[in-house]
Amino acid sequence: MSVQPILAAALKTEQDVVHVRQRARTLAAMLGFDRQDQTRIATAVSEIARNTVTYGRGGTLRFSLEGSGKDRALAASFVDQGSGITGLADILEGHYVSPTGMGMGIVGTRRLMDTFEIDSGPGCGTRVRFSKFLPRGKREVDIRQLTIGLTQVAPASVVDEVQVQNLQRFRDGTVLCRLQRGGGKP
C-alpha cells in the first residue's frame, strides 16, 4: 500500500486537540471533501485526539494519504503511551456503559469513518488508525501543496474552534432531525 505522509503533530494539551481538529477540517476541505465529510473527519480526529490526551497521557497524530486509484484515502494514525484500554471488546460491541463517556469517541469514530483499526492492551498504550476515502475524481494530490497550505492557516483560538464545532453540530443535528421526520433533503 502506498503511504504519503502529510503532517505529524504532538498531542499533549487540550489546545493541541483544538489545533488538530482545525487541521483535519482544513485538510479535508483542501482534499475536496464536502462540508458534511469535513465535519465527520474533524469530529473523528478531535474525539481520538482528546482520548489520546486525556486517557493516553499524550501521544502523536500522523495524517497521510494511503492507497491508490479509487481506494485512495485520507488517514489519521494515533499512538499514545497510556496504560491501554481495559474492556476494549465490550466498548467496540457497544456493551460498555461509562459514567464519564469513555469509549463513546471510539464507537462514534468507527461509525463516521470508512476504515477503523484499534490496537490496545494493558501497559502497551493504544494505536488507532482510521481513514475516509477521497471524493470521486480526486486522484491526483500534490502533497507539497497540502503541507504548504496547512502551514499557512493561522491556528484558531479555542473559542473560535468551539464555535465552529458547535455550528457544525447544529447543522448536522438539523439535517438529522429533518431526515428522521421524513422531511427528505434539507
Protein backbone atom coordinates (compact mmCIF):
# COMPACT_ATOMS: atom_id res chain seq x y z
CA MET A 1 0.00 0.00 0.00
CA SER A 2 1.27 3.45 -0.91
CA VAL A 3 1.57 5.83 2.06
CA GLN A 4 2.36 9.53 1.64
CA PRO A 5 2.94 11.38 4.94
CA ILE A 6 1.32 14.80 5.18
CA LEU A 7 1.66 16.09 8.73
CA ALA A 8 2.61 14.92 12.22
CA ALA A 9 1.54 16.57 15.47
CA ALA A 10 2.27 16.06 19.14
CA LEU A 11 -0.78 15.73 21.39
CA LYS A 12 -0.18 16.90 24.94
CA THR A 13 -2.83 19.51 25.78
CA GLU A 14 -6.41 20.48 25.03
CA GLN A 15 -5.03 23.25 22.80
CA ASP A 16 -3.31 20.53 20.71
CA VAL A 17 -6.71 18.84 20.31
CA VAL A 18 -8.20 22.11 19.03
CA HIS A 19 -5.32 22.60 16.57
CA VAL A 20 -5.52 19.10 15.09
CA ARG A 21 -9.29 19.40 14.73
CA GLN A 22 -8.76 22.59 12.77
CA ARG A 23 -6.00 20.98 10.69
CA ALA A 24 -8.24 17.98 9.96
CA ARG A 25 -11.10 20.19 8.77
CA THR A 26 -8.73 22.32 6.65
CA LEU A 27 -7.05 19.25 5.17
CA ALA A 28 -10.42 17.66 4.36
CA ALA A 29 -11.53 20.86 2.60
CA MET A 30 -8.28 21.02 0.61
CA LEU A 31 -8.84 17.42 -0.49
CA GLY A 32 -12.32 18.23 -1.81
CA PHE A 33 -14.49 16.58 0.84
CA ASP A 34 -17.95 18.14 1.17
CA ARG A 35 -18.82 20.07 4.31
CA GLN A 36 -20.52 17.09 5.94
CA ASP A 37 -17.47 14.84 5.46
CA GLN A 38 -15.19 17.67 6.62
CA THR A 39 -17.18 17.75 9.85
CA ARG A 40 -17.08 13.94 10.18
CA ILE A 41 -13.31 13.87 9.73
CA ALA A 42 -12.71 16.80 12.11
CA THR A 43 -15.01 15.24 14.72
CA ALA A 44 -13.32 11.83 14.49
CA VAL A 45 -9.87 13.40 14.78
CA SER A 46 -10.85 15.52 17.78
CA GLU A 47 -12.51 12.59 19.59
CA ILE A 48 -9.48 10.33 19.31
CA ALA A 49 -7.07 13.22 19.95
CA ARG A 50 -8.98 14.02 23.14
CA ASN A 51 -8.76 10.37 24.20
CA THR A 52 -5.03 10.43 23.44
CA VAL A 53 -4.52 13.45 25.70
CA THR A 54 -7.00 12.50 28.45
CA TYR A 55 -6.56 8.73 28.80
CA GLY A 56 -3.32 8.06 26.92
CA ARG A 57 -1.20 10.71 28.66
CA GLY A 58 -0.37 12.30 25.31
CA GLY A 59 0.92 10.94 22.06
CA THR A 60 1.19 11.67 18.36
CA LEU A 61 -1.06 12.02 15.33
CA ARG A 62 0.06 11.47 11.76
CA PHE A 63 -2.02 12.38 8.72
CA SER A 64 -1.25 10.60 5.46
CA LEU A 65 -2.68 9.70 2.08
CA GLU A 66 -2.91 5.96 1.63
CA GLY A 67 -3.76 3.62 -1.20
CA SER A 68 -4.10 4.30 -4.88
CA GLY A 69 -6.74 4.94 -7.52
CA LYS A 70 -10.32 4.88 -6.26
CA ASP A 71 -9.16 3.36 -2.96
CA ARG A 72 -7.11 6.42 -2.01
CA ALA A 73 -7.92 7.74 1.45
CA LEU A 74 -7.03 10.38 3.99
CA ALA A 75 -5.77 8.50 7.06
CA ALA A 76 -5.18 9.57 10.65
CA SER A 77 -2.96 7.45 12.90
CA PHE A 78 -2.69 8.00 16.65
CA VAL A 79 -0.23 6.46 19.11
CA ASP A 80 -0.22 7.05 22.85
CA GLN A 81 1.86 5.83 25.75
CA GLY A 82 -1.01 5.24 28.17
CA SER A 83 -1.88 2.13 30.10
CA GLY A 84 -4.09 0.70 27.36
CA ILE A 85 -7.86 0.32 27.20
CA THR A 86 -9.49 -2.14 29.56
CA GLY A 87 -12.62 -3.77 28.14
CA LEU A 88 -11.95 -2.75 24.53
CA ALA A 89 -14.05 -5.62 23.15
CA ASP A 90 -17.06 -4.50 25.22
CA ILE A 91 -16.59 -0.91 24.04
CA LEU A 92 -16.45 -1.95 20.37
CA GLU A 93 -19.52 -4.19 20.75
CA GLY A 94 -21.48 -1.37 22.40
CA HIS A 95 -21.87 -3.23 25.72
CA TYR A 96 -19.73 -0.90 27.82
CA VAL A 97 -21.57 1.79 29.77
CA SER A 98 -19.40 4.56 31.19
CA PRO A 99 -20.47 7.34 33.53
CA THR A 100 -17.71 9.54 32.05
CA GLY A 101 -18.47 8.81 28.39
CA MET A 102 -15.24 6.85 27.92
CA GLY A 103 -15.43 4.71 24.80
CA MET A 104 -18.08 6.79 23.04
CA GLY A 105 -15.45 8.60 20.95
CA ILE A 106 -14.11 5.26 19.75
CA VAL A 107 -17.54 3.93 18.76
CA GLY A 108 -18.53 7.23 17.14
CA THR A 109 -15.30 7.47 15.17
CA ARG A 110 -15.72 3.92 13.86
CA ARG A 111 -19.19 4.85 12.58
CA LEU A 112 -18.05 8.10 10.94
CA MET A 113 -15.07 6.71 9.01
CA ASP A 114 -14.70 4.24 6.15
CA THR A 115 -11.96 2.21 7.86
CA PHE A 116 -11.11 1.88 11.54
CA GLU A 117 -8.45 -0.12 13.40
CA ILE A 118 -7.52 -0.08 17.08
CA ASP A 119 -4.85 -1.97 18.96
CA SER A 120 -4.56 -1.66 22.72
CA GLY A 121 -3.50 -3.75 25.64
CA PRO A 122 -2.71 -3.35 29.32
CA GLY A 123 0.57 -1.47 29.65
CA CYS A 124 1.03 -1.24 25.86
CA GLY A 125 -0.59 2.07 25.03
CA THR A 126 -3.11 2.43 22.23
CA ARG A 127 -2.82 2.74 18.46
CA VAL A 128 -5.80 3.97 16.44
CA ARG A 129 -5.91 4.34 12.67
CA PHE A 130 -8.88 5.38 10.58
CA SER A 131 -9.47 6.73 7.10
CA LYS A 132 -12.03 8.27 4.77
CA PHE A 133 -11.90 7.56 1.04
CA LEU A 134 -11.24 10.63 -1.10
CA PRO A 135 -14.16 12.07 -3.05
CA ARG A 136 -14.66 10.74 -6.56
CA GLY A 137 -12.44 12.37 -9.11
CA LYS A 138 -9.81 13.35 -6.52
CA ARG A 139 -6.98 11.04 -7.57
CA GLU A 140 -4.02 13.37 -8.01
CA VAL A 141 -2.95 15.19 -4.89
CA ASP A 142 0.11 17.39 -4.55
CA ILE A 143 1.41 16.59 -1.05
CA ARG A 144 3.75 19.57 -1.12
CA GLN A 145 0.83 21.93 -1.79
CA LEU A 146 -1.15 20.33 1.04
CA THR A 147 1.62 20.80 3.56
CA ILE A 148 2.25 24.38 2.45
CA GLY A 149 -1.46 25.14 2.69
CA LEU A 150 -1.69 23.64 6.16
CA THR A 151 1.24 25.67 7.45
CA GLN A 152 -0.26 28.91 6.13
CA VAL A 153 -3.53 28.54 8.04
CA ALA A 154 -3.42 30.53 11.26
CA PRO A 155 -4.35 28.44 14.30
CA ALA A 156 -7.79 29.23 15.69
CA SER A 157 -8.29 30.10 19.30
CA VAL A 158 -10.08 27.53 21.42
CA VAL A 159 -13.16 29.77 21.48
CA ASP A 160 -13.20 30.17 17.67
CA GLU A 161 -12.83 26.43 17.08
CA VAL A 162 -15.55 25.54 19.61
CA GLN A 163 -17.92 28.00 17.90
CA VAL A 164 -17.22 26.39 14.51
CA GLN A 165 -17.68 22.92 16.02
CA ASN A 166 -20.99 23.89 17.64
CA LEU A 167 -22.28 25.41 14.39
CA GLN A 168 -21.34 22.23 12.51
CA ARG A 169 -23.07 20.06 15.11
CA PHE A 170 -26.17 22.27 14.96
CA ARG A 171 -26.30 21.98 11.16
CA ASP A 172 -25.77 18.22 11.30
CA GLY A 173 -28.43 17.90 14.01
CA THR A 174 -30.90 19.95 11.99
CA VAL A 175 -30.29 17.78 8.94
CA LEU A 176 -30.59 14.60 11.00
CA CYS A 177 -33.88 15.75 12.58
CA ARG A 178 -35.35 16.59 9.15
CA LEU A 179 -34.36 13.20 7.78
CA GLN A 180 -35.74 11.38 10.84
CA ARG A 181 -39.08 13.19 10.46
CA GLY A 182 -39.20 12.20 6.79
CA GLY A 183 -38.51 15.69 5.56
CA GLY A 184 -36.09 14.50 2.91
CA LYS A 185 -33.18 16.63 1.84
CA PRO A 186 -32.54 19.80 3.83
